[in-house]
Protein backbone atom coordinates (compact mmCIF):
# COMPACT_ATOMS: atom_id res chain seq x y z
CA MET A 1 98.42 138.81 141.72
CA ALA A 2 96.02 136.42 140.01
CA SER A 3 93.18 138.92 140.31
CA ASP A 4 95.37 141.60 138.70
CA ILE A 5 96.04 139.33 135.73
CA ALA A 6 92.37 138.43 135.46
CA THR A 7 91.38 142.10 135.58
CA SER A 8 93.90 142.97 132.88
CA PHE A 9 92.78 140.05 130.75
CA LEU A 10 89.11 140.98 131.06
CA GLY A 11 89.90 144.60 130.18
CA ALA A 12 91.84 143.53 127.11
CA LEU A 13 89.08 141.13 126.14
CA GLN A 14 86.45 143.85 126.47
CA ALA A 15 88.49 146.27 124.34
CA SER A 16 89.11 143.62 121.68
CA LEU A 17 85.47 142.61 121.62
CA SER A 18 84.31 146.19 121.12
CA VAL A 19 86.70 146.63 118.20
CA LEU A 20 85.62 143.34 116.64
CA LEU A 21 81.94 144.25 117.00
CA THR A 22 82.57 147.59 115.32
CA ILE A 23 84.39 145.91 112.46
CA GLY A 24 81.60 143.35 112.20
CA ALA A 25 79.00 146.11 111.94
CA GLY A 26 81.02 147.65 109.11
CA VAL A 27 81.23 144.31 107.31
CA ILE A 28 77.48 143.80 107.61
CA ALA A 29 76.79 147.33 106.36
CA SER A 30 79.09 146.75 103.41
CA ARG A 31 77.71 143.33 102.54
CA TYR A 32 74.09 144.50 102.51
CA ASN A 33 74.90 147.78 100.73
CA LEU A 34 73.71 149.93 103.62
CA LEU A 35 76.44 152.47 102.87
CA LYS A 36 77.73 153.81 99.61
CA GLU A 37 81.49 153.82 99.07
CA ALA A 38 81.65 157.62 99.21
CA SER A 39 79.73 157.61 102.48
CA GLY A 40 82.19 155.10 103.93
CA ARG A 41 85.10 157.38 103.02
CA ASP A 42 83.33 160.35 104.59
CA ILE A 43 82.66 158.43 107.78
CA SER A 44 86.28 157.31 107.88
CA LYS A 45 87.49 160.90 107.53
CA LEU A 46 85.08 162.00 110.27
CA CYS A 47 86.34 159.33 112.62
CA VAL A 48 90.01 160.03 111.99
CA ARG A 49 89.77 163.82 111.97
CA LEU A 50 87.19 164.44 114.69
CA MET A 51 86.18 161.43 116.76
CA LEU A 52 89.63 159.94 117.45
CA PRO A 53 91.14 163.27 118.57
CA ALA A 54 88.09 163.90 120.75
CA LEU A 55 88.48 160.47 122.34
CA LEU A 56 92.16 161.10 122.99
CA ILE A 57 91.43 164.49 124.54
CA VAL A 58 88.80 162.99 126.83
CA ASN A 59 91.05 160.12 127.93
CA VAL A 60 94.18 162.21 128.38
CA GLY A 61 92.23 165.12 129.83
CA GLU A 62 91.30 163.06 132.87
CA GLU A 63 94.97 162.78 133.79
CA VAL A 64 96.09 166.34 133.08
CA THR A 65 96.60 168.68 136.01
CA ILE A 66 98.30 172.05 136.24
CA LYS A 67 101.53 170.34 137.32
CA THR A 68 101.54 167.74 134.52
CA ALA A 69 100.21 169.86 131.65
CA SER A 70 103.68 170.72 130.36
CA ARG A 71 104.34 167.03 129.65
CA TYR A 72 101.50 166.97 127.13
CA LEU A 73 102.51 170.08 125.17
CA PRO A 74 104.80 168.18 122.75
CA ILE A 75 101.99 165.73 122.02
CA LEU A 76 99.52 168.53 121.44
CA SER A 77 101.91 170.43 119.17
CA MET A 78 102.66 167.32 117.07
CA TYR A 79 98.93 166.58 116.81
CA LEU A 80 98.16 170.11 115.61
CA TYR A 81 101.01 169.99 113.09
CA TYR A 82 99.95 166.68 111.57
CA TYR A 83 96.26 167.49 111.74
CA TYR A 84 96.65 170.68 109.73
CA TYR A 85 99.21 169.05 107.41
CA PHE A 86 96.78 166.28 106.45
CA LEU A 87 93.73 168.52 106.54
CA PHE A 88 95.06 170.95 103.97
CA ARG A 89 96.83 168.26 101.99
CA SER A 90 93.71 166.24 101.14
């Protein structure tokens, strides 16, 4: 039981640390004017529209089998709806 808690804690710590390091890199890039504001917006759009969906597909794709694929269809349909809604809206 204690090892399960420690494993969960270390996993959460690792995930939090990676997010904080990414934010820190963005703060440093902003402070030293390594990116223009327009470039930052473009990178943000790229991450939200391409990288995040790709990450979700990779992570969920590991768990999808022929038997469980039907459970993910509502998620996929909602993603496609919102993706095209926001893509053509902005």
